[in-house]
Amino acid sequence: MKKLLDKIRTGLKDQDLGRLAENFVSLSLLQIVNYILPLVTLPYLARVLGVEKFGLVMFASSFVIYFGLITEYGFNLSATREISVFRDDKKKISEIFFSVMIARIILLLISAAILTVMVFSIGKFSADRLLYFYTFGMVIGNVLFPVWFFQGMERMKYITVLNIAAKMIFTILIFVFVRGESDYIYVPIFNSLGYIIAGVISLYTIFADFKLPAVRPTVSGVYGHFSRSSQYFLSRVSVSVYTNSNTFVIGLFLGNSIAGFYSAAEKLFTALWTLYTPLTTALYPYMCKARNLRFYKRIFTYSSLANLAISGLVFIFSGVIVKVLYGDGFQVTVGLLRIFSILSAIIVPAILLGYPLLGAMGQAKYVNYSVIIASVAHLVLLLAVIPIMNVYLVTAISVLTQMVVIIIRLYAVRKFIPLSGEIPLCAE
């Protein structure tokens, strides 16, 4: 370990090392909490609510995530880059902040209108309309929480503290008030409450600590941010097609119980690969400024090997993991988790090849191409298997989809990135 740390230090300037290390530690702490709390709350909810209501709650979350994508509109990437570039110009970052917040509020109002129309006009949703409205509170909280600002300023400790606070609020309230199947409606209420409180505190923190001057956004400025974020938006929507659509499709065609089995495995898979989120989140703004390819190569190699080992262990011990966490009624989840462990072995190196590398060297279009092509392939395959659809087949399709992503990104890396030297350009 000491030799590894020494190698990393030689690839970084002292100031850059300090900031990157602080961000990585902060995000790692957040990810540890993100990893542990679901392992506590999800098994509890699955046992207390039962497969049917658990699946319904997960289905509602997968549906509302689409509105979260609309309100994000790629700003978590485009605005992060702009804040990072202009972080020493307080007036400029203030203009970016207010313009992006106005843009996101506009998208929030549009999303709320769409949700209302769908909930009151489609039977599948109208039967549980309160569930969907309460779940939508998470979207409101995300809009209030400008993650992109803290990422661009490379002050991830704020993200860590506020997110941990939100999740702790949710977890405590769940264990206090959710006692039976009929209490399922409290889950989205408490979850949304945590997000909204964190969002409000984050806004207060920005004005109190960063002291941004008040800047009146212009129509052209807001439109400009929409325009610059459009390519990232398309990329994020495409990613959601093959990461989030499965729960939604399974809930529609196979029912809430099967969606519950699937969600139980998917949430464990998400906890598995998001262990590396602190690394990719801290690495992207750093690579945009430092362009240190040698350092990136070390990170990629060690991370990929560690992920491969963890994925292998999950594959081998899937039965034990599911039994301990969810009990005897989730045998279907065991096979699904094994498929997800294969997917995890692929998805982590694919993510590391994305914005932390290709995006940082000005090849964001290939990151976008990979997910757009993969999402189209995913939708085509899902439509093709509807007559014979089952939950294992849907999960296996995700593995094929992610193979498309990594193949395209490997092609781009081979074509555009030199085997030695520094990355010449930050993503446009």
Protein backbone atom coordinates (compact mmCIF):
# COMPACT_ATOMS: atom_id res chain seq x y z
CA MET A 1 0.00 0.00 0.00
CA LYS A 2 2.84 2.40 0.86
CA LYS A 3 4.46 1.82 -2.53
CA LEU A 4 1.13 2.47 -4.26
CA LEU A 5 0.65 5.77 -2.39
CA ASP A 6 4.22 6.83 -3.21
CA LYS A 7 3.61 6.17 -6.90
CA ILE A 8 0.42 8.18 -6.83
CA ARG A 9 2.16 11.10 -5.09
CA THR A 10 4.89 11.25 -7.74
CA GLY A 11 2.22 11.77 -10.41
CA LEU A 12 0.60 14.77 -8.72
CA LYS A 13 1.50 18.25 -7.59
CA ASP A 14 1.20 18.71 -3.84
CA GLN A 15 -1.75 21.09 -4.14
CA ASP A 16 -3.55 18.88 -6.62
CA LEU A 17 -2.87 15.83 -4.47
CA GLY A 18 -4.30 17.50 -1.40
CA ARG A 19 -7.50 18.56 -3.14
CA LEU A 20 -7.98 15.25 -4.96
CA ALA A 21 -7.26 13.28 -1.79
CA GLU A 22 -9.72 15.38 0.23
CA ASN A 23 -12.41 14.95 -2.41
CA PHE A 24 -11.77 11.23 -2.69
CA VAL A 25 -11.90 10.72 1.07
CA SER A 26 -15.10 12.76 1.36
CA LEU A 27 -16.82 10.89 -1.44
CA SER A 28 -15.53 7.56 -0.16
CA LEU A 29 -17.10 8.25 3.22
CA LEU A 30 -20.36 9.10 1.48
CA GLN A 31 -20.16 5.93 -0.58
CA ILE A 32 -19.55 3.81 2.51
CA VAL A 33 -22.76 5.23 3.97
CA ASN A 34 -24.52 4.72 0.62
CA TYR A 35 -23.31 1.15 0.67
CA ILE A 36 -24.19 0.30 4.27
CA LEU A 37 -27.60 1.97 4.64
CA PRO A 38 -29.27 0.16 1.70
CA LEU A 39 -27.98 -3.12 3.10
CA VAL A 40 -29.90 -2.22 6.27
CA THR A 41 -33.05 -0.53 4.94
CA LEU A 42 -33.75 -2.58 1.79
CA PRO A 43 -33.83 -5.99 3.48
CA TYR A 44 -35.99 -4.50 6.23
CA LEU A 45 -38.42 -3.00 3.72
CA ALA A 46 -38.52 -6.20 1.67
CA ARG A 47 -39.42 -8.23 4.75
CA VAL A 48 -41.87 -5.74 6.29
CA LEU A 49 -43.67 -4.61 3.13
CA GLY A 50 -43.65 -7.97 1.35
CA VAL A 51 -42.63 -8.54 -2.25
CA GLU A 52 -45.77 -6.94 -3.75
CA LYS A 53 -45.60 -3.56 -1.97
CA PHE A 54 -41.81 -3.52 -2.06
CA GLY A 55 -41.99 -3.98 -5.82
CA LEU A 56 -44.61 -1.22 -6.11
CA VAL A 57 -42.39 1.25 -4.23
CA MET A 58 -39.41 0.33 -6.41
CA PHE A 59 -41.54 0.65 -9.55
CA ALA A 60 -42.62 4.17 -8.52
CA SER A 61 -38.98 5.12 -7.91
CA SER A 62 -37.93 3.83 -11.33
CA PHE A 63 -40.73 5.84 -12.93
CA VAL A 64 -39.90 9.10 -11.16
CA ILE A 65 -36.20 8.72 -12.00
CA TYR A 66 -37.08 9.75 -15.57
CA PHE A 67 -38.21 13.13 -14.26
CA GLY A 68 -34.96 13.38 -12.34
CA LEU A 69 -33.12 12.95 -15.63
CA ILE A 70 -35.19 15.69 -17.23
CA THR A 71 -34.40 18.16 -14.45
CA GLU A 72 -30.72 17.23 -14.39
CA TYR A 73 -30.51 17.73 -18.18
CA GLY A 74 -26.81 16.94 -18.18
CA PHE A 75 -25.96 19.91 -15.95
CA ASN A 76 -24.11 17.64 -13.53
CA LEU A 77 -21.50 17.28 -16.29
CA SER A 78 -21.64 20.52 -18.28
CA ALA A 79 -22.06 22.88 -15.31
CA THR A 80 -19.43 20.96 -13.32
CA ARG A 81 -16.93 21.58 -16.11
CA GLU A 82 -17.79 25.28 -16.38
CA ILE A 83 -17.61 25.87 -12.63
CA SER A 84 -14.27 24.03 -12.56
CA VAL A 85 -12.83 26.20 -15.33
CA PHE A 86 -14.04 29.53 -13.88
CA ARG A 87 -13.82 28.71 -10.16
CA ASP A 88 -11.53 31.70 -9.50
CA ASP A 89 -13.99 34.16 -11.09
CA LYS A 90 -16.72 34.65 -8.48
CA LYS A 91 -18.92 36.76 -10.75
CA LYS A 92 -18.77 34.16 -13.52
CA ILE A 93 -19.56 31.19 -11.28
CA SER A 94 -22.44 33.21 -9.81
CA GLU A 95 -23.82 33.73 -13.32
CA ILE A 96 -23.48 30.00 -14.02
CA PHE A 97 -25.12 29.10 -10.71
CA PHE A 98 -28.21 31.29 -11.09
CA SER A 99 -28.68 30.45 -14.79
CA VAL A 100 -28.50 26.70 -14.22
CA MET A 101 -30.82 26.88 -11.20
CA ILE A 102 -33.41 28.81 -13.26
CA ALA A 103 -33.09 26.25 -16.05
CA ARG A 104 -33.63 23.36 -13.63
CA ILE A 105 -36.66 25.01 -12.01
CA ILE A 106 -38.24 25.41 -15.46
CA LEU A 107 -37.64 21.71 -16.12
CA LEU A 108 -39.06 20.86 -12.69
CA LEU A 109 -42.33 22.65 -13.46
CA ILE A 110 -42.60 20.89 -16.82
CA SER A 111 -41.93 17.53 -15.15
CA ALA A 112 -44.57 18.16 -12.48
CA ALA A 113 -47.13 18.96 -15.19
CA ILE A 114 -46.30 15.77 -17.12
CA LEU A 115 -46.50 13.65 -13.96
CA THR A 116 -49.89 15.11 -13.04
CA VAL A 117 -51.35 14.40 -16.46
CA MET A 118 -50.05 10.82 -16.48
CA VAL A 119 -51.15 10.04 -12.92
CA PHE A 120 -54.72 11.19 -13.52
CA SER A 121 -55.12 9.71 -17.01
CA ILE A 122 -53.42 6.28 -16.86
CA GLY A 123 -54.97 3.54 -14.73
CA LYS A 124 -51.66 1.93 -13.78
CA PHE A 125 -50.63 5.15 -12.02
CA SER A 126 -53.94 6.64 -10.86
CA ALA A 127 -54.61 3.70 -8.52
CA ASP A 128 -51.61 4.79 -6.42
CA ARG A 129 -51.42 8.47 -7.33
CA LEU A 130 -50.24 9.62 -3.88
CA LEU A 131 -47.30 7.22 -4.06
CA TYR A 132 -46.06 8.84 -7.27
CA PHE A 133 -46.56 12.41 -6.04
CA TYR A 134 -44.72 11.69 -2.80
CA THR A 135 -41.90 9.97 -4.71
CA PHE A 136 -41.62 13.06 -6.93
CA GLY A 137 -40.37 14.91 -3.86
CA MET A 138 -36.95 13.34 -4.51
CA VAL A 139 -36.83 15.23 -7.82
CA ILE A 140 -37.61 18.49 -6.01
CA GLY A 141 -34.82 17.79 -3.52
CA ASN A 142 -32.33 17.04 -6.30
CA VAL A 143 -33.15 20.30 -8.05
CA LEU A 144 -32.56 22.20 -4.80
CA PHE A 145 -29.22 20.42 -4.29
CA PRO A 146 -26.69 21.77 -6.87
CA VAL A 147 -24.25 18.86 -6.79
CA TRP A 148 -22.62 20.23 -9.94
CA PHE A 149 -21.59 23.41 -8.08
CA PHE A 150 -19.76 21.55 -5.32
CA GLN A 151 -18.16 19.17 -7.83
CA GLY A 152 -16.95 22.03 -10.00
CA MET A 153 -15.50 23.83 -6.95
CA GLU A 154 -13.99 20.48 -5.91
CA ARG A 155 -15.56 20.78 -2.47
CA MET A 156 -17.00 17.30 -2.20
CA LYS A 157 -17.10 17.41 1.59
CA TYR A 158 -20.28 19.48 1.36
CA ILE A 159 -21.90 16.80 -0.81
CA THR A 160 -20.81 14.17 1.70
CA VAL A 161 -22.13 15.85 4.84
CA LEU A 162 -25.48 16.85 3.33
CA ASN A 163 -26.13 13.51 1.64
CA ILE A 164 -25.28 11.55 4.75
CA ALA A 165 -27.64 13.77 6.75
CA ALA A 166 -30.45 13.19 4.23
CA LYS A 167 -29.97 9.44 4.22
CA MET A 168 -29.76 9.22 7.99
CA ILE A 169 -33.07 11.11 8.30
CA PHE A 170 -34.67 8.66 5.85
CA THR A 171 -33.24 5.58 7.58
CA ILE A 172 -34.27 6.60 11.10
CA LEU A 173 -37.81 7.49 10.04
CA ILE A 174 -38.18 4.20 8.14
CA PHE A 175 -37.35 2.10 11.19
CA VAL A 176 -39.54 4.18 13.47
CA PHE A 177 -42.71 4.41 11.37
CA VAL A 178 -42.72 1.61 8.75
CA ARG A 179 -44.00 -1.43 10.63
CA GLY A 180 -46.23 -3.26 8.18
CA GLU A 181 -47.40 -3.58 4.58
CA SER A 182 -49.89 -0.72 4.92
CA ASP A 183 -47.08 1.68 5.81
CA TYR A 184 -45.53 1.53 2.33
CA ILE A 185 -46.66 5.10 1.57
CA TYR A 186 -44.29 6.42 4.25
CA VAL A 187 -41.24 5.23 2.30
CA PRO A 188 -41.39 7.87 -0.48
CA ILE A 189 -42.50 10.54 2.02
CA PHE A 190 -39.46 10.04 4.25
CA ASN A 191 -37.10 9.61 1.30
CA SER A 192 -38.29 12.85 -0.30
CA LEU A 193 -38.13 14.66 3.02
CA GLY A 194 -34.45 13.79 3.40
CA TYR A 195 -33.65 14.99 -0.12
CA ILE A 196 -35.53 18.28 0.29
CA ILE A 197 -33.95 19.10 3.66
CA ALA A 198 -30.47 18.42 2.22
CA GLY A 199 -31.28 20.62 -0.78
CA VAL A 200 -32.39 23.57 1.33
CA ILE A 201 -29.30 23.33 3.55
CA SER A 202 -27.04 23.11 0.47
CA LEU A 203 -28.43 26.38 -0.90
CA TYR A 204 -27.90 28.07 2.46
CA THR A 205 -24.33 26.74 2.52
CA ILE A 206 -23.55 28.12 -0.92
CA PHE A 207 -24.65 31.64 -0.03
CA ALA A 208 -23.15 31.58 3.46
CA ASP A 209 -19.75 29.99 2.68
CA PHE A 210 -19.07 30.89 -0.94
CA LYS A 211 -20.73 34.33 -0.76
CA LEU A 212 -21.85 34.43 -4.37
CA PRO A 213 -22.86 37.89 -5.55
CA ALA A 214 -26.43 38.20 -6.80
CA VAL A 215 -26.54 38.03 -10.61
CA ARG A 216 -29.71 38.34 -12.64
CA PRO A 217 -29.74 35.54 -15.25
CA THR A 218 -30.46 36.53 -18.83
CA VAL A 219 -32.66 34.61 -21.23
CA SER A 220 -29.69 34.10 -23.55
CA GLY A 221 -27.57 32.87 -20.64
CA VAL A 222 -30.15 30.29 -19.54
CA TYR A 223 -30.64 29.17 -23.15
CA GLY A 224 -26.89 28.87 -23.58
CA HIS A 225 -26.67 26.45 -20.66
CA PHE A 226 -29.52 24.41 -22.12
CA SER A 227 -27.71 24.28 -25.44
CA ARG A 228 -24.35 23.27 -23.99
CA SER A 229 -25.94 20.57 -21.83
CA SER A 230 -28.00 18.98 -24.61
CA GLN A 231 -25.32 16.45 -25.62
CA TYR A 232 -24.88 15.40 -22.00
CA PHE A 233 -28.65 15.14 -21.56
CA LEU A 234 -28.93 12.76 -24.48
CA SER A 235 -26.15 10.70 -22.98
CA ARG A 236 -27.79 10.55 -19.54
CA VAL A 237 -31.18 9.61 -20.97
CA SER A 238 -29.55 6.88 -23.03
CA VAL A 239 -27.81 5.50 -19.94
CA SER A 240 -31.13 5.43 -18.10
CA VAL A 241 -32.74 3.41 -20.88
CA TYR A 242 -30.56 0.41 -20.09
CA THR A 243 -30.02 0.98 -16.37
CA ASN A 244 -33.41 2.13 -15.11
CA SER A 245 -35.91 0.96 -17.72
CA ASN A 246 -35.70 -2.70 -16.69
CA THR A 247 -37.54 -2.21 -13.38
CA PHE A 248 -40.13 -0.09 -15.15
CA VAL A 249 -40.67 -2.63 -17.96
CA ILE A 250 -40.73 -5.58 -15.57
CA GLY A 251 -43.30 -3.81 -13.39
CA LEU A 252 -45.49 -3.11 -16.43
CA PHE A 253 -45.36 -6.55 -18.04
CA LEU A 254 -44.51 -9.00 -15.24
CA GLY A 255 -46.11 -7.36 -12.19
CA ASN A 256 -45.04 -5.79 -8.92
CA SER A 257 -43.88 -9.04 -7.29
CA ILE A 258 -41.38 -9.83 -10.06
CA ALA A 259 -40.30 -6.19 -9.96
CA GLY A 260 -39.66 -6.70 -6.25
CA PHE A 261 -37.41 -9.72 -6.87
CA TYR A 262 -35.56 -7.82 -9.58
CA SER A 263 -35.16 -4.64 -7.50
CA ALA A 264 -33.76 -6.65 -4.58
CA ALA A 265 -30.92 -7.86 -6.83
CA GLU A 266 -30.51 -4.59 -8.70
CA LYS A 267 -30.07 -2.56 -5.51
CA LEU A 268 -27.27 -4.86 -4.39
CA PHE A 269 -25.68 -4.52 -7.83
CA THR A 270 -25.96 -0.74 -7.62
CA ALA A 271 -24.28 -0.77 -4.21
CA LEU A 272 -21.53 -2.94 -5.73
CA TRP A 273 -20.50 -0.76 -8.66
CA THR A 274 -21.17 2.59 -7.01
CA LEU A 275 -18.36 1.81 -4.60
CA TYR A 276 -16.27 3.41 -7.36
CA THR A 277 -18.42 6.52 -7.73
CA PRO A 278 -16.17 8.61 -5.42
CA LEU A 279 -13.24 7.79 -7.66
CA THR A 280 -14.92 8.72 -10.95
CA THR A 281 -16.58 11.81 -9.46
CA ALA A 282 -13.32 13.18 -8.06
CA LEU A 283 -11.27 12.09 -11.08
CA TYR A 284 -13.26 13.91 -13.79
CA PRO A 285 -12.69 17.54 -12.68
CA TYR A 286 -9.11 16.67 -11.72
CA MET A 287 -8.36 15.21 -15.15
CA CYS A 288 -9.94 18.24 -16.82
CA LYS A 289 -7.32 20.44 -15.15
CA ALA A 290 -4.29 18.21 -14.59
CA ARG A 291 -4.57 15.92 -17.67
CA ASN A 292 -2.31 13.38 -15.99
CA LEU A 293 -2.59 10.26 -18.15
CA ARG A 294 0.07 8.30 -16.29
CA PHE A 295 -1.80 8.70 -13.00
CA TYR A 296 -5.08 7.74 -14.68
CA LYS A 297 -3.59 4.48 -15.98
CA ARG A 298 -2.63 3.40 -12.48
CA ILE A 299 -6.07 4.21 -11.14
CA PHE A 300 -7.76 2.33 -13.97
CA THR A 301 -5.65 -0.80 -13.56
CA TYR A 302 -5.96 -1.12 -9.78
CA SER A 303 -9.68 -0.28 -9.77
CA SER A 304 -10.53 -2.75 -12.51
CA LEU A 305 -8.67 -5.59 -10.82
CA ALA A 306 -10.29 -4.87 -7.45
CA ASN A 307 -13.72 -4.75 -9.07
CA LEU A 308 -13.14 -8.04 -10.86
CA ALA A 309 -12.23 -9.74 -7.57
CA ILE A 310 -15.28 -8.34 -5.74
CA SER A 311 -17.62 -9.29 -8.59
CA GLY A 312 -16.25 -12.83 -8.53
CA LEU A 313 -16.90 -13.17 -4.81
CA VAL A 314 -20.47 -11.91 -5.20
CA PHE A 315 -21.08 -14.44 -8.00
CA ILE A 316 -19.83 -17.32 -5.85
CA PHE A 317 -21.68 -16.33 -2.67
CA SER A 318 -24.91 -14.95 -4.20
CA GLY A 319 -27.05 -17.55 -2.47
CA VAL A 320 -25.65 -16.77 0.96
CA ILE A 321 -25.88 -13.00 0.42
CA VAL A 322 -29.55 -13.10 -0.64
CA LYS A 323 -30.56 -15.49 2.16
CA VAL A 324 -28.88 -13.38 4.85
CA LEU A 325 -30.28 -10.08 3.59
CA TYR A 326 -33.75 -10.97 2.30
CA GLY A 327 -34.65 -14.34 3.79
CA ASP A 328 -36.05 -17.50 2.21
CA GLY A 329 -38.68 -15.93 -0.04
CA PHE A 330 -36.24 -14.38 -2.53
CA GLN A 331 -34.76 -17.38 -4.38
CA VAL A 332 -35.45 -15.71 -7.72
CA THR A 333 -33.09 -12.93 -6.66
CA VAL A 334 -30.13 -15.33 -6.35
CA GLY A 335 -29.87 -16.03 -10.08
CA LEU A 336 -30.42 -12.38 -10.87
CA LEU A 337 -27.61 -11.31 -8.56
CA ARG A 338 -25.22 -13.72 -10.31
CA ILE A 339 -26.03 -12.08 -13.66
CA PHE A 340 -25.59 -8.65 -12.09
CA SER A 341 -22.16 -9.63 -10.75
CA ILE A 342 -21.07 -10.32 -14.35
CA LEU A 343 -22.48 -6.95 -15.36
CA SER A 344 -20.57 -5.25 -12.54
CA ALA A 345 -17.27 -6.66 -13.82
CA ILE A 346 -17.93 -4.86 -17.11
CA ILE A 347 -19.56 -1.62 -16.02
CA VAL A 348 -16.79 -0.27 -13.76
CA PRO A 349 -14.02 -0.19 -16.41
CA ALA A 350 -16.58 1.15 -18.90
CA ILE A 351 -17.38 4.06 -16.57
CA LEU A 352 -13.69 4.78 -15.95
CA LEU A 353 -13.12 4.94 -19.70
CA GLY A 354 -15.98 7.44 -20.03
CA TYR A 355 -15.86 11.02 -18.76
CA PRO A 356 -12.78 10.62 -16.52
CA LEU A 357 -10.76 9.75 -19.65
CA LEU A 358 -12.54 10.25 -22.98
CA GLY A 359 -14.49 13.24 -21.72
CA ALA A 360 -11.37 14.84 -20.28
CA MET A 361 -9.47 14.58 -23.57
CA GLY A 362 -12.23 16.21 -25.62
CA GLN A 363 -13.85 13.00 -26.89
CA ALA A 364 -17.13 13.26 -24.99
CA LYS A 365 -18.96 12.48 -28.21
CA TYR A 366 -17.71 8.90 -28.07
CA VAL A 367 -18.94 8.57 -24.50
CA ASN A 368 -22.32 9.75 -25.74
CA TYR A 369 -22.24 7.58 -28.87
CA SER A 370 -21.56 4.49 -26.80
CA VAL A 371 -24.60 4.93 -24.56
CA ILE A 372 -26.90 6.09 -27.37
CA ILE A 373 -26.09 3.06 -29.50
CA ALA A 374 -26.33 0.79 -26.45
CA SER A 375 -29.71 2.23 -25.44
CA VAL A 376 -31.12 1.70 -28.93
CA ALA A 377 -29.86 -1.89 -28.87
CA HIS A 378 -31.36 -2.37 -25.41
CA LEU A 379 -34.79 -1.12 -26.46
CA VAL A 380 -34.78 -3.25 -29.61
CA LEU A 381 -33.90 -6.36 -27.61
CA LEU A 382 -36.55 -5.61 -24.96
CA LEU A 383 -39.23 -5.20 -27.62
CA ALA A 384 -38.10 -8.39 -29.34
CA VAL A 385 -38.43 -10.52 -26.20
CA ILE A 386 -41.83 -9.21 -25.02
CA PRO A 387 -43.64 -12.39 -26.18
CA ILE A 388 -41.22 -14.59 -24.20
CA MET A 389 -40.16 -12.05 -21.55
CA ASN A 390 -38.93 -13.24 -18.18
CA VAL A 391 -36.89 -11.50 -15.53
CA TYR A 392 -33.67 -13.44 -16.21
CA LEU A 393 -33.77 -12.65 -19.91
CA VAL A 394 -34.25 -8.94 -19.25
CA THR A 395 -31.27 -8.92 -16.89
CA ALA A 396 -29.07 -10.78 -19.40
CA ILE A 397 -29.92 -8.15 -22.02
CA SER A 398 -28.30 -5.56 -19.74
CA VAL A 399 -25.01 -7.49 -19.90
CA LEU A 400 -25.09 -7.47 -23.72
CA THR A 401 -25.91 -3.76 -23.70
CA GLN A 402 -22.97 -2.91 -21.46
CA MET A 403 -20.67 -4.93 -23.73
CA VAL A 404 -21.64 -2.56 -26.54
CA VAL A 405 -20.68 0.43 -24.36
CA ILE A 406 -17.24 -0.84 -23.39
CA ILE A 407 -16.36 -2.00 -26.93
CA ILE A 408 -17.11 1.45 -28.38
CA ARG A 409 -15.14 3.21 -25.65
CA LEU A 410 -12.16 0.88 -26.03
CA TYR A 411 -12.18 1.66 -29.75
CA ALA A 412 -12.14 5.41 -29.03
CA VAL A 413 -9.34 5.07 -26.47
CA ARG A 414 -7.25 3.04 -28.89
CA LYS A 415 -7.80 5.58 -31.67
CA PHE A 416 -7.45 8.90 -29.87
CA ILE A 417 -5.47 8.50 -26.66
CA PRO A 418 -1.66 8.30 -26.83
CA LEU A 419 -0.05 5.44 -24.97
CA SER A 420 2.23 7.92 -23.22
CA GLY A 421 2.12 11.61 -22.42
CA GLU A 422 -0.52 13.96 -21.13
CA ILE A 423 -4.10 14.48 -22.19
CA PRO A 424 -4.10 17.63 -24.33
CA LEU A 425 -7.58 19.04 -23.84
CA CYS A 426 -10.51 19.19 -21.47
CA ALA A 427 -13.91 18.03 -22.72
CA GLU A 428 -15.87 20.52 -24.76
